[in-house]
Amino acid sequence: MSYYVYAISSLERNYIYVGLTSNFLQRFWSHQSGLNKTTKPPILSEVFMEIKML
């Protein structure tokens, strides 16, 4: 099974959120829809993703 390590860098705040998931698209949309308090919109952000086989 593949896992994805990703980072969401806030353009408005001074932080970077790092996560790990096996379903990147589902996880990305959970961040964008406000289901995650830390990355709740409206936050302008950049997303970086690195694919790792674990």
N, C-alpha and C. Protein backbone atom coordinates (compact mmCIF):
# COMPACT_ATOMS: atom_id res chain seq x y z
N MET A 1 0.84 -1.18 0.00
CA MET A 1 0.00 0.00 0.00
C MET A 1 0.89 1.24 0.00
N SER A 2 0.52 2.24 -0.78
CA SER A 2 1.27 3.49 -0.83
C SER A 2 0.74 4.47 0.20
N TYR A 3 1.66 5.21 0.77
CA TYR A 3 1.30 6.29 1.69
C TYR A 3 1.86 7.59 1.14
N TYR A 4 1.20 8.67 1.45
CA TYR A 4 1.57 9.99 0.97
C TYR A 4 1.94 10.87 2.15
N VAL A 5 3.10 11.49 2.07
CA VAL A 5 3.51 12.49 3.04
C VAL A 5 3.28 13.83 2.36
N TYR A 6 2.56 14.72 3.04
CA TYR A 6 2.24 16.00 2.42
C TYR A 6 2.43 17.13 3.41
N ALA A 7 2.62 18.33 2.91
CA ALA A 7 2.75 19.52 3.75
C ALA A 7 1.86 20.61 3.18
N ILE A 8 1.13 21.27 4.06
CA ILE A 8 0.31 22.42 3.66
C ILE A 8 0.95 23.64 4.30
N SER A 9 1.45 24.52 3.46
CA SER A 9 2.12 25.73 3.93
C SER A 9 1.15 26.89 3.83
N SER A 10 0.86 27.51 4.96
CA SER A 10 -0.07 28.64 4.99
C SER A 10 0.59 29.88 4.40
N LEU A 11 -0.12 30.58 3.54
CA LEU A 11 0.37 31.84 2.99
C LEU A 11 -0.03 33.02 3.89
N GLU A 12 -0.92 32.78 4.85
CA GLU A 12 -1.40 33.84 5.74
C GLU A 12 -0.83 33.73 7.15
N ARG A 13 -0.56 32.52 7.60
CA ARG A 13 -0.02 32.27 8.93
C ARG A 13 1.39 31.70 8.81
N ASN A 14 2.10 31.72 9.89
CA ASN A 14 3.49 31.24 9.86
C ASN A 14 3.55 29.80 10.36
N TYR A 15 3.02 28.86 9.58
CA TYR A 15 3.13 27.45 9.96
C TYR A 15 3.05 26.55 8.74
N ILE A 16 3.52 25.34 8.93
CA ILE A 16 3.43 24.29 7.91
C ILE A 16 2.81 23.07 8.58
N TYR A 17 1.73 22.56 8.00
CA TYR A 17 1.06 21.36 8.50
C TYR A 17 1.59 20.18 7.71
N VAL A 18 2.06 19.14 8.39
CA VAL A 18 2.58 17.94 7.74
C VAL A 18 1.68 16.77 8.10
N GLY A 19 1.31 15.99 7.09
CA GLY A 19 0.43 14.85 7.33
C GLY A 19 0.87 13.62 6.56
N LEU A 20 0.25 12.49 6.92
CA LEU A 20 0.51 11.20 6.28
C LEU A 20 -0.83 10.54 6.04
N THR A 21 -1.05 10.02 4.82
CA THR A 21 -2.32 9.39 4.50
C THR A 21 -2.13 8.35 3.40
N SER A 22 -3.07 7.43 3.32
CA SER A 22 -3.05 6.45 2.23
C SER A 22 -4.00 6.88 1.11
N ASN A 23 -4.78 7.93 1.35
CA ASN A 23 -5.72 8.44 0.34
C ASN A 23 -5.59 9.96 0.29
N PHE A 24 -4.66 10.44 -0.53
CA PHE A 24 -4.35 11.86 -0.54
C PHE A 24 -5.54 12.73 -0.95
N LEU A 25 -6.27 12.35 -1.99
CA LEU A 25 -7.38 13.19 -2.45
C LEU A 25 -8.46 13.35 -1.38
N GLN A 26 -8.80 12.26 -0.71
CA GLN A 26 -9.80 12.34 0.35
C GLN A 26 -9.30 13.23 1.49
N ARG A 27 -8.04 13.07 1.85
CA ARG A 27 -7.47 13.86 2.94
C ARG A 27 -7.39 15.33 2.57
N PHE A 28 -6.99 15.63 1.33
CA PHE A 28 -6.91 17.01 0.86
C PHE A 28 -8.27 17.69 0.95
N TRP A 29 -9.30 17.01 0.50
CA TRP A 29 -10.64 17.61 0.54
C TRP A 29 -11.16 17.77 1.96
N SER A 30 -10.74 16.89 2.87
CA SER A 30 -11.14 17.07 4.27
C SER A 30 -10.51 18.33 4.85
N HIS A 31 -9.29 18.66 4.42
CA HIS A 31 -8.66 19.91 4.85
C HIS A 31 -9.39 21.10 4.24
N GLN A 32 -9.67 21.03 2.95
CA GLN A 32 -10.28 22.16 2.25
C GLN A 32 -11.73 22.41 2.64
N SER A 33 -12.43 21.40 3.11
CA SER A 33 -13.85 21.55 3.46
C SER A 33 -14.05 22.02 4.90
N GLY A 34 -12.96 22.19 5.65
CA GLY A 34 -13.06 22.69 7.01
C GLY A 34 -13.24 21.63 8.06
N LEU A 35 -13.05 20.37 7.72
CA LEU A 35 -13.19 19.29 8.70
C LEU A 35 -12.00 19.21 9.65
N ASN A 36 -10.90 19.85 9.30
CA ASN A 36 -9.71 19.87 10.14
C ASN A 36 -9.52 21.28 10.69
N LYS A 37 -9.56 21.41 12.02
CA LYS A 37 -9.49 22.73 12.65
C LYS A 37 -8.21 23.49 12.30
N THR A 38 -7.08 22.81 12.25
CA THR A 38 -5.80 23.46 12.01
C THR A 38 -5.72 24.10 10.63
N THR A 39 -6.32 23.48 9.63
CA THR A 39 -6.23 23.98 8.25
C THR A 39 -7.58 24.46 7.74
N LYS A 40 -8.45 24.84 8.65
CA LYS A 40 -9.80 25.27 8.27
C LYS A 40 -9.73 26.51 7.38
N PRO A 41 -10.46 26.52 6.27
CA PRO A 41 -10.49 27.69 5.39
C PRO A 41 -11.15 28.87 6.10
N PRO A 42 -11.01 30.07 5.67
CA PRO A 42 -10.33 30.46 4.42
C PRO A 42 -8.86 30.77 4.64
N ILE A 43 -8.01 29.81 4.43
CA ILE A 43 -6.57 30.00 4.54
C ILE A 43 -5.97 29.78 3.15
N LEU A 44 -5.28 30.78 2.65
CA LEU A 44 -4.57 30.59 1.39
C LEU A 44 -3.36 29.73 1.68
N SER A 45 -3.18 28.69 0.90
CA SER A 45 -2.09 27.77 1.19
C SER A 45 -1.50 27.17 -0.07
N GLU A 46 -0.31 26.62 0.11
CA GLU A 46 0.35 25.86 -0.94
C GLU A 46 0.46 24.43 -0.43
N VAL A 47 0.29 23.46 -1.30
CA VAL A 47 0.37 22.05 -0.90
C VAL A 47 1.56 21.42 -1.60
N PHE A 48 2.36 20.70 -0.80
CA PHE A 48 3.49 19.96 -1.31
C PHE A 48 3.25 18.49 -0.98
N MET A 49 3.56 17.61 -1.92
CA MET A 49 3.33 16.20 -1.68
C MET A 49 4.54 15.39 -2.14
N GLU A 50 4.90 14.41 -1.34
CA GLU A 50 5.96 13.48 -1.71
C GLU A 50 5.39 12.08 -1.53
N ILE A 51 5.54 11.24 -2.54
CA ILE A 51 5.00 9.88 -2.48
C ILE A 51 6.07 8.94 -1.92
N LYS A 52 5.68 8.20 -0.89
CA LYS A 52 6.59 7.23 -0.27
C LYS A 52 5.93 5.87 -0.25
N MET A 53 6.65 4.86 -0.60
CA MET A 53 6.17 3.49 -0.46
C MET A 53 6.66 2.99 0.89
N LEU A 54 5.72 2.68 1.79
CA LEU A 54 6.09 2.19 3.11
C LEU A 54 5.67 0.75 3.28
